[in-house]
Amino acid sequence: MKRYTINFIIDTIAFIDFIFLATTGILVRYILPKGSGSYITVWGLDRHGWGDIHFWLALIFLTMILIHIILHWDWTVCMIRGNSDKSSDIRIMAALFAFLLILILAVAPLISPVSGSREGGGYGGRGRNINGSHEEAE
């Protein structure tokens, strides 16, 4: 298979996946709000079911973008290096700094401590108390 055909397939999959990723994100954020539990469903899936689909779509998108970058690696390196003058060193350092900053910001939530309480909350002011029963927020 020719390289431009592979590029087209990868980019098409990434674009379609991005559309579904955005759709499931909007669905989980606005249509199936936090605290809705299994009371509200779309196509038989509650917030957690759609969240699982959103997660897998995100992994597919990440994979497609990594393949896209690999297929365009020569172009990426050429754009970062630029002409062989002093500005190319600055561009390379800026690119490395930007990459490290993005990587740190992306990983930070994964390594940060988790905190919370047993009290629910969410939209609508309903939460679960310690016993697991619902109570109205005042």
C-alpha atoms as a PDB file:
ATOM      1  CA  MET A   1       0.000   0.000   0.000  1.00  0.00           C
ATOM      2  CA  LYS A   2       1.321   3.429  -0.890  1.00  0.00           C
ATOM      3  CA  ARG A   3       2.322   5.855   1.851  1.00  0.00           C
ATOM      4  CA  TYR A   4      -0.252   8.517   0.908  1.00  0.00           C
ATOM      5  CA  THR A   5      -2.999   5.871   1.029  1.00  0.00           C
ATOM      6  CA  ILE A   6      -1.905   4.855   4.527  1.00  0.00           C
ATOM      7  CA  ASN A   7      -1.823   8.547   5.545  1.00  0.00           C
ATOM      8  CA  PHE A   8      -5.329   9.030   4.208  1.00  0.00           C
ATOM      9  CA  ILE A   9      -6.670   5.981   6.076  1.00  0.00           C
ATOM     10  CA  ILE A  10      -4.997   6.964   9.367  1.00  0.00           C
ATOM     11  CA  ASP A  11      -6.162  10.586   9.091  1.00  0.00           C
ATOM     12  CA  THR A  12      -9.714   9.519   8.206  1.00  0.00           C
ATOM     13  CA  ILE A  13      -9.896   7.138  11.170  1.00  0.00           C
ATOM     14  CA  ALA A  14      -8.504   9.865  13.459  1.00  0.00           C
ATOM     15  CA  PHE A  15     -11.037  12.420  12.183  1.00  0.00           C
ATOM     16  CA  ILE A  16     -14.025  10.083  12.581  1.00  0.00           C
ATOM     17  CA  ASP A  17     -12.794   9.008  16.006  1.00  0.00           C
ATOM     18  CA  PHE A  18     -12.380  12.658  17.036  1.00  0.00           C
ATOM     19  CA  ILE A  19     -15.999  13.380  16.096  1.00  0.00           C
ATOM     20  CA  PHE A  20     -17.213  10.479  18.254  1.00  0.00           C
ATOM     21  CA  LEU A  21     -14.818  11.466  21.037  1.00  0.00           C
ATOM     22  CA  ALA A  22     -16.258  14.981  21.094  1.00  0.00           C
ATOM     23  CA  THR A  23     -19.823  13.638  20.937  1.00  0.00           C
ATOM     24  CA  THR A  24     -19.364  11.244  23.843  1.00  0.00           C
ATOM     25  CA  GLY A  25     -17.599  13.974  25.830  1.00  0.00           C
ATOM     26  CA  ILE A  26     -20.550  16.335  25.348  1.00  0.00           C
ATOM     27  CA  LEU A  27     -22.964  13.507  26.160  1.00  0.00           C
ATOM     28  CA  VAL A  28     -21.217  12.643  29.428  1.00  0.00           C
ATOM     29  CA  ARG A  29     -20.698  16.291  30.416  1.00  0.00           C
ATOM     30  CA  TYR A  30     -24.051  17.853  29.571  1.00  0.00           C
ATOM     31  CA  ILE A  31     -26.727  15.229  28.883  1.00  0.00           C
ATOM     32  CA  LEU A  32     -25.754  12.644  31.509  1.00  0.00           C
ATOM     33  CA  PRO A  33     -24.488  14.910  34.301  1.00  0.00           C
ATOM     34  CA  LYS A  34     -22.573  13.836  37.388  1.00  0.00           C
ATOM     35  CA  GLY A  35     -24.900  12.363  39.983  1.00  0.00           C
ATOM     36  CA  SER A  36     -27.352  11.048  37.399  1.00  0.00           C
ATOM     37  CA  GLY A  37     -26.203   7.501  38.128  1.00  0.00           C
ATOM     38  CA  SER A  38     -28.184   4.914  36.207  1.00  0.00           C
ATOM     39  CA  TYR A  39     -31.387   6.959  36.306  1.00  0.00           C
ATOM     40  CA  ILE A  40     -30.696   8.614  32.957  1.00  0.00           C
ATOM     41  CA  THR A  41     -29.600   6.549  29.965  1.00  0.00           C
ATOM     42  CA  VAL A  42     -29.074   7.029  26.250  1.00  0.00           C
ATOM     43  CA  TRP A  43     -29.420   3.902  24.119  1.00  0.00           C
ATOM     44  CA  GLY A  44     -29.423   1.858  27.333  1.00  0.00           C
ATOM     45  CA  LEU A  45     -26.069   3.186  28.541  1.00  0.00           C
ATOM     46  CA  ASP A  46     -25.702   5.381  31.603  1.00  0.00           C
ATOM     47  CA  ARG A  47     -22.982   7.947  32.285  1.00  0.00           C
ATOM     48  CA  HIS A  48     -20.427   5.282  33.184  1.00  0.00           C
ATOM     49  CA  GLY A  49     -21.125   3.187  30.083  1.00  0.00           C
ATOM     50  CA  TRP A  50     -20.652   6.216  27.841  1.00  0.00           C
ATOM     51  CA  GLY A  51     -17.565   7.148  29.873  1.00  0.00           C
ATOM     52  CA  ASP A  52     -16.060   3.745  29.063  1.00  0.00           C
ATOM     53  CA  ILE A  53     -16.733   4.277  25.353  1.00  0.00           C
ATOM     54  CA  HIS A  54     -15.208   7.761  25.615  1.00  0.00           C
ATOM     55  CA  PHE A  55     -12.077   6.283  27.211  1.00  0.00           C
ATOM     56  CA  TRP A  56     -11.585   3.701  24.450  1.00  0.00           C
ATOM     57  CA  LEU A  57     -12.205   6.309  21.760  1.00  0.00           C
ATOM     58  CA  ALA A  58      -9.513   8.462  23.400  1.00  0.00           C
ATOM     59  CA  LEU A  59      -7.029   5.561  23.262  1.00  0.00           C
ATOM     60  CA  ILE A  60      -7.829   4.952  19.590  1.00  0.00           C
ATOM     61  CA  PHE A  61      -7.390   8.669  18.858  1.00  0.00           C
ATOM     62  CA  LEU A  62      -4.057   8.767  20.683  1.00  0.00           C
ATOM     63  CA  THR A  63      -2.877   5.732  18.702  1.00  0.00           C
ATOM     64  CA  MET A  64      -3.921   7.298  15.388  1.00  0.00           C
ATOM     65  CA  ILE A  65      -2.155  10.562  16.237  1.00  0.00           C
ATOM     66  CA  LEU A  66       1.039   8.705  17.186  1.00  0.00           C
ATOM     67  CA  ILE A  67       0.948   6.804  13.882  1.00  0.00           C
ATOM     68  CA  HIS A  68       0.295  10.090  12.082  1.00  0.00           C
ATOM     69  CA  ILE A  69       3.344  11.686  13.724  1.00  0.00           C
ATOM     70  CA  ILE A  70       5.507   8.666  12.865  1.00  0.00           C
ATOM     71  CA  LEU A  71       4.383   8.806   9.222  1.00  0.00           C
ATOM     72  CA  HIS A  72       5.233  12.520   9.112  1.00  0.00           C
ATOM     73  CA  TRP A  73       8.408  12.332  11.190  1.00  0.00           C
ATOM     74  CA  ASP A  74      10.733  13.668   8.463  1.00  0.00           C
ATOM     75  CA  TRP A  75       8.480  16.694   7.967  1.00  0.00           C
ATOM     76  CA  THR A  76       8.264  17.275  11.743  1.00  0.00           C
ATOM     77  CA  VAL A  77      12.044  17.186  12.152  1.00  0.00           C
ATOM     78  CA  CYS A  78      12.476  19.499   9.149  1.00  0.00           C
ATOM     79  CA  MET A  79       9.995  22.010  10.586  1.00  0.00           C
ATOM     80  CA  ILE A  80      11.693  22.013  14.003  1.00  0.00           C
ATOM     81  CA  ARG A  81      15.228  22.297  12.636  1.00  0.00           C
ATOM     82  CA  GLY A  82      14.441  24.890  10.001  1.00  0.00           C
ATOM     83  CA  ASN A  83      17.463  26.350   8.212  1.00  0.00           C
ATOM     84  CA  SER A  84      20.921  25.459   9.467  1.00  0.00           C
ATOM     85  CA  ASP A  85      21.591  28.689  11.294  1.00  0.00           C
ATOM     86  CA  LYS A  86      21.508  29.892  14.903  1.00  0.00           C
ATOM     87  CA  SER A  87      17.712  30.103  14.933  1.00  0.00           C
ATOM     88  CA  SER A  88      17.479  26.331  14.392  1.00  0.00           C
ATOM     89  CA  ASP A  89      19.109  25.710  17.799  1.00  0.00           C
ATOM     90  CA  ILE A  90      16.560  28.013  19.417  1.00  0.00           C
ATOM     91  CA  ARG A  91      13.706  26.248  17.596  1.00  0.00           C
ATOM     92  CA  ILE A  92      14.951  22.829  18.713  1.00  0.00           C
ATOM     93  CA  MET A  93      15.260  23.993  22.325  1.00  0.00           C
ATOM     94  CA  ALA A  94      11.797  25.615  22.188  1.00  0.00           C
ATOM     95  CA  ALA A  95      10.309  22.423  20.744  1.00  0.00           C
ATOM     96  CA  LEU A  96      11.933  20.282  23.447  1.00  0.00           C
ATOM     97  CA  PHE A  97      10.780  22.677  26.161  1.00  0.00           C
ATOM     98  CA  ALA A  98       7.216  22.705  24.789  1.00  0.00           C
ATOM     99  CA  PHE A  99       7.179  18.904  24.548  1.00  0.00           C
ATOM    100  CA  LEU A 100       8.419  18.491  28.124  1.00  0.00           C
ATOM    101  CA  LEU A 101       5.930  21.066  29.417  1.00  0.00           C
ATOM    102  CA  ILE A 102       3.028  19.331  27.665  1.00  0.00           C
ATOM    103  CA  LEU A 103       4.213  15.957  28.959  1.00  0.00           C
ATOM    104  CA  ILE A 104       4.467  17.250  32.551  1.00  0.00           C
ATOM    105  CA  LEU A 105       1.012  18.858  32.374  1.00  0.00           C
ATOM    106  CA  ALA A 106      -0.493  15.695  30.876  1.00  0.00           C
ATOM    107  CA  VAL A 107       1.031  13.357  33.479  1.00  0.00           C
ATOM    108  CA  ALA A 108       0.503  15.619  36.522  1.00  0.00           C
ATOM    109  CA  PRO A 109      -3.138  14.584  37.186  1.00  0.00           C
ATOM    110  CA  LEU A 110      -2.166  10.919  36.935  1.00  0.00           C
ATOM    111  CA  ILE A 111       0.470  11.183  39.670  1.00  0.00           C
ATOM    112  CA  SER A 112      -1.322  13.694  41.916  1.00  0.00           C
ATOM    113  CA  PRO A 113      -2.930  12.519  45.152  1.00  0.00           C
ATOM    114  CA  VAL A 114      -6.635  11.733  45.022  1.00  0.00           C
ATOM    115  CA  SER A 115      -8.952  13.325  47.544  1.00  0.00           C
ATOM    116  CA  GLY A 116     -12.679  13.388  48.131  1.00  0.00           C
ATOM    117  CA  SER A 117     -15.460  12.653  50.540  1.00  0.00           C
ATOM    118  CA  ARG A 118     -18.217  10.106  50.813  1.00  0.00           C
ATOM    119  CA  GLU A 119     -20.850  12.797  50.466  1.00  0.00           C
ATOM    120  CA  GLY A 120     -22.260  12.897  46.932  1.00  0.00           C
ATOM    121  CA  GLY A 121     -23.363  16.131  45.433  1.00  0.00           C
ATOM    122  CA  GLY A 122     -23.531  16.502  41.698  1.00  0.00           C
ATOM    123  CA  TYR A 123     -26.228  18.209  39.722  1.00  0.00           C
ATOM    124  CA  GLY A 124     -29.643  18.629  41.251  1.00  0.00           C
ATOM    125  CA  GLY A 125     -28.322  18.854  44.800  1.00  0.00           C
ATOM    126  CA  ARG A 126     -28.832  15.155  45.551  1.00  0.00           C
ATOM    127  CA  GLY A 127     -26.173  13.107  47.229  1.00  0.00           C
ATOM    128  CA  ARG A 128     -25.721   9.917  49.148  1.00  0.00           C
ATOM    129  CA  ASN A 129     -25.044   9.967  52.829  1.00  0.00           C
ATOM    130  CA  ILE A 130     -22.786   7.476  54.590  1.00  0.00           C
ATOM    131  CA  ASN A 131     -25.625   4.913  54.811  1.00  0.00           C
ATOM    132  CA  GLY A 132     -26.108   5.040  51.038  1.00  0.00           C
ATOM    133  CA  SER A 133     -29.571   6.600  51.110  1.00  0.00           C
ATOM    134  CA  HIS A 134     -30.405   9.752  49.155  1.00  0.00           C
ATOM    135  CA  GLU A 135     -30.970  13.098  50.782  1.00  0.00           C
ATOM    136  CA  GLU A 136     -31.850  16.515  49.423  1.00  0.00           C
ATOM    137  CA  ALA A 137     -29.294  19.302  49.683  1.00  0.00           C
ATOM    138  CA  GLU A 138     -30.424  22.330  51.620  1.00  0.00           C
END
